[in-house]
N, C-alpha and C. Protein backbone atom coordinates (compact mmCIF):
# COMPACT_ATOMS: atom_id res chain seq x y z
N GLY A 1 37.59 -106.53 -128.62
CA GLY A 1 38.04 -106.09 -127.87
C GLY A 1 39.22 -106.46 -126.83
N ARG A 2 39.14 -105.72 -125.68
CA ARG A 2 39.85 -105.87 -124.66
C ARG A 2 40.10 -107.42 -124.09
N PHE A 3 39.00 -107.72 -124.51
CA PHE A 3 39.12 -109.75 -123.57
C PHE A 3 39.44 -110.09 -124.87
N ALA A 4 39.05 -109.74 -125.70
CA ALA A 4 39.92 -110.88 -127.25
C ALA A 4 41.77 -110.76 -127.04
N THR A 5 41.76 -109.23 -126.63
CA THR A 5 43.11 -109.14 -126.61
C THR A 5 43.95 -109.97 -125.67
N GLU A 6 43.07 -109.55 -123.71
CA GLU A 6 43.66 -110.77 -122.90
C GLU A 6 43.80 -111.97 -123.09
N LEU A 7 42.61 -112.65 -123.62
CA LEU A 7 42.99 -113.92 -123.85
C LEU A 7 44.01 -114.30 -125.02
N PHE A 8 44.52 -113.34 -125.80
CA PHE A 8 45.40 -113.85 -127.54
C PHE A 8 46.81 -113.61 -126.03
N THR A 9 47.14 -112.90 -125.11
CA THR A 9 48.20 -112.33 -124.66
C THR A 9 49.08 -113.41 -123.86
N ARG A 10 47.38 -113.66 -123.05
CA ARG A 10 46.69 -115.15 -122.08
C ARG A 10 47.38 -116.75 -122.49
N GLN A 11 46.91 -117.40 -123.96
CA GLN A 11 47.50 -117.96 -125.06
C GLN A 11 48.70 -117.61 -125.47
N SER A 12 49.43 -116.61 -125.59
CA SER A 12 50.83 -116.54 -126.20
C SER A 12 51.87 -116.74 -124.85
N ARG A 13 51.72 -116.50 -123.71
CA ARG A 13 51.90 -116.41 -122.31
C ARG A 13 52.03 -118.27 -122.55
N GLN A 14 50.93 -119.15 -122.02
CA GLN A 14 51.21 -120.54 -122.25
C GLN A 14 51.63 -120.99 -123.22
N LEU A 15 51.87 -120.46 -124.66
CA LEU A 15 53.04 -121.19 -125.50
C LEU A 15 53.90 -121.28 -125.05
N GLY A 16 54.78 -119.32 -125.16
CA GLY A 16 56.08 -119.81 -124.82
C GLY A 16 56.35 -120.47 -123.43
N ILE A 17 55.62 -120.90 -122.60
CA ILE A 17 56.34 -122.00 -121.77
C ILE A 17 56.46 -123.10 -122.02
N LEU A 18 54.74 -123.71 -122.89
CA LEU A 18 54.89 -124.90 -123.63
C LEU A 18 56.38 -124.96 -124.26
N GLN A 19 56.78 -124.44 -125.05
CA GLN A 19 57.57 -124.07 -126.36
C GLN A 19 58.66 -124.19 -125.01
N GLN A 20 59.66 -123.78 -124.00
CA GLN A 20 60.02 -123.29 -123.48
C GLN A 20 60.75 -125.01 -122.66
N ARG A 21 59.60 -125.44 -122.07
CA ARG A 21 59.79 -126.99 -121.68
C ARG A 21 60.01 -128.07 -123.61
N LEU A 22 59.62 -127.72 -123.97
CA LEU A 22 60.01 -128.21 -124.84
C LEU A 22 61.09 -128.64 -125.36
N ARG A 23 62.05 -126.88 -126.08
CA ARG A 23 62.77 -127.06 -125.93
C ARG A 23 64.15 -127.99 -124.63
N ASP A 24 63.49 -127.19 -122.58
CA ASP A 24 64.05 -128.62 -121.76
C ASP A 24 64.40 -129.47 -122.06
N VAL A 25 62.95 -130.81 -122.47
CA VAL A 25 63.15 -131.74 -122.81
C VAL A 25 64.02 -132.67 -123.80
N VAL A 26 63.91 -131.70 -124.74
CA VAL A 26 64.88 -132.00 -125.96
C VAL A 26 66.58 -131.75 -125.43
N TYR A 27 67.08 -130.20 -125.19
CA TYR A 27 68.21 -130.16 -125.69
C TYR A 27 68.41 -129.83 -124.53
N GLU A 28 68.08 -129.88 -123.00
CA GLU A 28 68.65 -129.93 -121.48
C GLU A 28 69.15 -130.91 -120.87
N ARG A 29 70.32 -130.98 -120.33
CA ARG A 29 70.27 -132.09 -119.31
C ARG A 29 69.72 -131.58 -118.08
N GLY A 30 68.96 -133.10 -117.11
CA GLY A 30 68.07 -133.46 -116.54
C GLY A 30 68.69 -132.48 -115.41
N ASP A 31 69.85 -131.97 -115.00
CA ASP A 31 70.50 -131.87 -113.55
C ASP A 31 69.75 -129.90 -113.92
N ALA A 32 70.47 -129.58 -115.51
CA ALA A 32 70.03 -128.38 -115.25
C ALA A 32 68.15 -128.20 -115.72
N ARG A 33 67.20 -128.80 -116.18
CA ARG A 33 65.98 -129.18 -116.04
C ARG A 33 65.47 -128.82 -114.67
N ILE A 34 66.08 -129.85 -113.77
CA ILE A 34 65.52 -129.43 -112.33
C ILE A 34 66.31 -128.34 -111.54
N LEU A 35 67.28 -128.14 -111.76
CA LEU A 35 67.65 -126.59 -111.46
C LEU A 35 66.74 -125.23 -112.19
N ARG A 36 66.77 -125.16 -113.50
CA ARG A 36 65.20 -125.00 -113.50
C ARG A 36 63.93 -124.61 -113.16
N TYR A 37 63.52 -126.34 -113.11
CA TYR A 37 62.31 -125.89 -112.27
C TYR A 37 62.21 -125.11 -110.90
N PHE A 38 63.61 -125.40 -110.23
CA PHE A 38 63.46 -125.38 -108.72
C PHE A 38 63.84 -123.22 -109.03
N GLU A 39 64.57 -122.56 -109.77
CA GLU A 39 64.95 -121.12 -110.41
C GLU A 39 62.83 -120.92 -110.11
N ALA A 40 62.19 -121.64 -111.02
CA ALA A 40 60.68 -120.91 -110.75
C ALA A 40 59.86 -121.34 -109.85
N LEU A 41 60.00 -122.20 -108.75
CA LEU A 41 59.91 -122.49 -107.54
C LEU A 41 60.04 -120.96 -106.65
N ALA A 42 61.04 -121.32 -106.79
CA ALA A 42 61.81 -119.74 -106.00
C ALA A 42 61.73 -118.93 -106.31
N LEU A 43 60.92 -118.19 -107.27
CA LEU A 43 61.15 -117.70 -108.08
C LEU A 43 59.15 -116.58 -107.51
N GLN A 44 58.55 -117.98 -107.51
CA GLN A 44 57.26 -117.53 -107.08
C GLN A 44 57.06 -118.00 -105.46
N ILE A 45 58.53 -119.07 -104.92
CA ILE A 45 58.09 -118.39 -103.07
C ILE A 45 58.70 -118.82 -103.31
N GLY A 46 60.11 -118.78 -103.09
CA GLY A 46 61.07 -118.31 -102.41
C GLY A 46 61.54 -117.58 -101.43
N VAL A 47 62.14 -117.92 -100.74
CA VAL A 47 63.04 -116.91 -99.51
C VAL A 47 64.33 -117.13 -99.23
N GLU A 48 64.79 -115.78 -98.60
CA GLU A 48 66.38 -115.80 -98.35
C GLU A 48 67.21 -116.66 -97.71
N SER A 49 67.88 -116.27 -98.01
CA SER A 49 68.39 -117.12 -96.09
C SER A 49 69.49 -117.11 -96.78
N PRO A 50 70.67 -117.70 -95.08
CA PRO A 50 72.14 -117.54 -95.51
C PRO A 50 73.07 -118.54 -96.09
N GLU A 51 71.73 -119.81 -96.87
CA GLU A 51 72.34 -121.12 -97.25
C GLU A 51 72.26 -120.22 -98.75
N GLY A 52 71.35 -119.50 -99.18
CA GLY A 52 70.57 -119.79 -100.47
C GLY A 52 68.97 -119.30 -100.77
N VAL A 53 68.39 -119.79 -101.26
CA VAL A 53 66.94 -119.45 -101.56
C VAL A 53 66.09 -120.43 -101.01
N PHE A 54 65.15 -120.76 -99.53
CA PHE A 54 64.66 -121.61 -99.23
C PHE A 54 63.07 -121.17 -100.11
N ILE A 55 62.86 -122.95 -100.27
CA ILE A 55 62.23 -123.22 -101.48
C ILE A 55 60.78 -123.55 -100.34
N ASP A 56 59.28 -123.25 -99.80
CA ASP A 56 58.72 -124.19 -98.71
C ASP A 56 58.09 -124.54 -99.61
N SER A 57 58.62 -125.90 -100.37
CA SER A 57 57.73 -127.10 -100.70
C SER A 57 57.89 -128.33 -100.96
N ARG A 58 57.48 -129.34 -100.32
CA ARG A 58 57.87 -130.68 -100.11
C ARG A 58 57.15 -131.05 -101.09
N VAL A 59 57.90 -130.77 -102.64
CA VAL A 59 57.77 -131.14 -102.97
C VAL A 59 58.47 -132.49 -103.92
N THR A 60 57.61 -133.51 -104.56
CA THR A 60 58.87 -135.31 -104.12
C THR A 60 59.00 -135.47 -105.57
N HIS A 61 60.10 -135.82 -105.44
CA HIS A 61 60.60 -136.36 -106.30
C HIS A 61 60.24 -137.35 -107.72
N GLN A 62 58.78 -137.77 -107.08
CA GLN A 62 58.43 -138.36 -108.84
C GLN A 62 57.60 -137.01 -108.69
N THR A 63 56.58 -136.04 -108.17
CA THR A 63 56.22 -134.92 -109.18
C THR A 63 57.27 -134.12 -110.02
N ILE A 64 58.69 -134.12 -109.75
CA ILE A 64 59.57 -133.54 -109.83
C ILE A 64 59.85 -133.62 -111.67
N ALA A 65 59.69 -134.95 -111.17
CA ALA A 65 60.46 -136.59 -112.34
C ALA A 65 58.87 -135.82 -113.50
N ASP A 66 58.19 -135.52 -112.89
CA ASP A 66 56.72 -135.76 -114.23
C ASP A 66 56.72 -134.77 -114.52
N THR A 67 57.04 -133.14 -114.14
CA THR A 67 56.99 -131.86 -114.52
C THR A 67 58.15 -131.79 -115.63
N CYS A 68 59.90 -132.40 -115.24
CA CYS A 68 60.78 -132.60 -115.75
C CYS A 68 61.34 -133.40 -117.10
N GLY A 69 60.26 -134.40 -116.95
CA GLY A 69 60.22 -134.98 -118.23
C GLY A 69 61.63 -136.03 -118.27
N LEU A 70 61.93 -136.81 -116.94
CA LEU A 70 62.33 -136.68 -116.31
C LEU A 70 61.63 -138.65 -115.27
N ALA A 71 62.64 -140.07 -115.63
CA ALA A 71 62.15 -140.34 -114.81
C ALA A 71 63.31 -140.40 -113.02
N ARG A 72 62.04 -141.24 -111.98
CA ARG A 72 61.95 -140.75 -110.50
C ARG A 72 63.31 -141.28 -110.48
N GLU A 73 63.56 -142.69 -110.79
CA GLU A 73 65.14 -143.04 -110.41
C GLU A 73 66.36 -141.73 -111.15
N THR A 74 65.82 -141.27 -111.87
CA THR A 74 67.09 -140.76 -112.53
C THR A 74 67.33 -139.21 -111.81
N VAL A 75 66.22 -138.26 -111.46
CA VAL A 75 65.68 -136.67 -110.43
C VAL A 75 66.72 -137.81 -109.14
N SER A 76 66.25 -139.36 -108.85
CA SER A 76 66.74 -139.25 -107.12
C SER A 76 68.59 -139.20 -107.66
N ARG A 77 68.63 -139.53 -108.19
CA ARG A 77 70.72 -139.37 -108.66
C ARG A 77 71.05 -138.15 -108.60
N LEU A 78 70.12 -137.41 -109.69
CA LEU A 78 70.51 -136.66 -110.12
C LEU A 78 70.49 -134.63 -108.82
N LEU A 79 69.11 -135.37 -108.22
CA LEU A 79 69.44 -134.82 -106.33
C LEU A 79 70.53 -135.27 -105.51
N THR A 80 71.49 -136.18 -105.86
CA THR A 80 72.05 -136.51 -105.05
C THR A 80 73.41 -136.02 -105.39
N ASN A 81 73.36 -136.35 -106.51
CA ASN A 81 74.52 -135.09 -107.84
C ASN A 81 74.52 -133.54 -107.31
N LEU A 82 73.26 -132.90 -107.42
CA LEU A 82 73.13 -131.28 -106.83
C LEU A 82 73.94 -131.30 -106.11
N LYS A 83 72.89 -131.78 -104.77
CA LYS A 83 73.35 -132.21 -102.99
C LYS A 83 75.43 -132.05 -102.48
N GLN A 84 75.81 -133.01 -104.47
CA GLN A 84 77.35 -132.93 -103.52
C GLN A 84 77.49 -131.70 -104.13
N ARG A 85 77.27 -131.18 -104.67
CA ARG A 85 78.14 -129.98 -105.89
C ARG A 85 77.51 -128.86 -104.81
N GLY A 86 76.51 -128.44 -103.79
CA GLY A 86 75.99 -127.88 -103.26
C GLY A 86 75.26 -126.64 -103.85
N GLN A 87 75.03 -127.38 -105.20
CA GLN A 87 73.81 -126.42 -105.94
C GLN A 87 72.29 -126.45 -104.90
N LEU A 88 71.66 -127.14 -104.80
CA LEU A 88 70.48 -128.07 -103.75
C LEU A 88 70.70 -129.24 -103.16
N PHE A 89 69.55 -128.50 -102.01
CA PHE A 89 69.58 -129.41 -101.41
C PHE A 89 68.27 -129.29 -100.66
N ARG A 90 68.02 -130.73 -99.95
CA ARG A 90 66.88 -130.69 -99.15
C ARG A 90 66.62 -130.54 -97.26
N THR A 91 65.49 -129.76 -97.53
CA THR A 91 65.30 -130.08 -95.13
C THR A 91 64.46 -130.95 -95.01
N ALA A 92 64.24 -130.02 -93.57
CA ALA A 92 62.87 -130.96 -93.69
C ALA A 92 61.64 -130.71 -93.90
N ASP A 93 61.67 -128.44 -94.19
CA ASP A 93 60.83 -128.33 -94.61
C ASP A 93 60.64 -127.60 -96.60
N GLY A 94 61.99 -128.09 -96.77
CA GLY A 94 61.66 -127.40 -98.15
C GLY A 94 62.64 -127.99 -99.18
N TRP A 95 63.12 -127.86 -99.03
CA TRP A 95 63.97 -127.20 -99.98
C TRP A 95 65.59 -125.98 -100.16
N VAL A 96 66.88 -125.46 -100.19
CA VAL A 96 67.20 -124.59 -100.54
C VAL A 96 68.52 -125.28 -102.16
N LEU A 97 67.24 -123.68 -102.78
CA LEU A 97 68.93 -123.15 -104.18
C LEU A 97 69.32 -122.22 -103.91
N ASN A 98 71.35 -123.15 -103.79
CA ASN A 98 72.51 -122.49 -103.64
C ASN A 98 71.74 -121.64 -105.41
N VAL A 99 72.46 -119.95 -105.25
CA VAL A 99 71.79 -119.33 -106.59
C VAL A 99 73.11 -118.96 -107.36
N LYS A 100 74.14 -119.17 -106.54
CA LYS A 100 74.87 -119.55 -106.82
C LYS A 100 76.10 -120.53 -107.69
N GLY A 101 74.79 -121.29 -107.61
CA GLY A 101 74.96 -122.50 -108.22
C GLY A 101 74.03 -123.46 -109.43
N SER A 102 73.62 -122.07 -109.92
CA SER A 102 72.00 -121.71 -110.71
C SER A 102 72.56 -121.76 -111.79
N VAL A 103 71.41 -122.27 -112.76
CA VAL A 103 71.26 -122.48 -114.05
C VAL A 103 71.70 -120.74 -114.68
N ARG A 104 70.74 -120.30 -114.26
CA ARG A 104 71.12 -118.48 -114.62
C ARG A 104 72.68 -118.21 -114.67
N ALA A 105 72.60 -118.04 -113.38
CA ALA A 105 73.93 -117.42 -112.79
C ALA A 105 75.09 -118.78 -113.69
N GLU A 106 74.55 -119.39 -114.29
CA GLU A 106 76.35 -120.01 -114.94
C GLU A 106 75.97 -119.87 -116.62
N GLN A 107 75.98 -119.50 -117.42
CA GLN A 107 74.75 -118.76 -118.13
C GLN A 107 75.21 -117.86 -118.55
N CYS A 108 75.30 -117.17 -117.62
CA CYS A 108 76.01 -115.27 -117.07
C CYS A 108 77.38 -114.85 -117.54
C-alpha cells in the first residue's frame, strides 16, 4: 500500500534526476551545466546577498567536474569565463551566483 507508493514516488524522482543529468551531459554546454549545478546548490543552501546568492560550500573544481561530466581543466577554464561574465565567482568562504546571469534567468 503506502510503502509501495512512497517507494515508487522516490524511485520516480531519482529517475527524473538521472534523466536530467543525462540530458545535461548530452545536450548542454559545459558552462550551462556548471550554472545548473550551482543553481541546485543555491536552492538547497544558498543565502541572498547583495552580490547574488551566497553558497557556503568549498566545493572543488574536481567535484564540479565529476558531477557535471567535465574534465577538471575544462571546469577551471569555464569558471574563469563565468567569473568574467559576472555570473559566478568564488569567495574565501564559498561561491556567489549572480541569479540574473543564471541558466534559469536566460531561459525566461
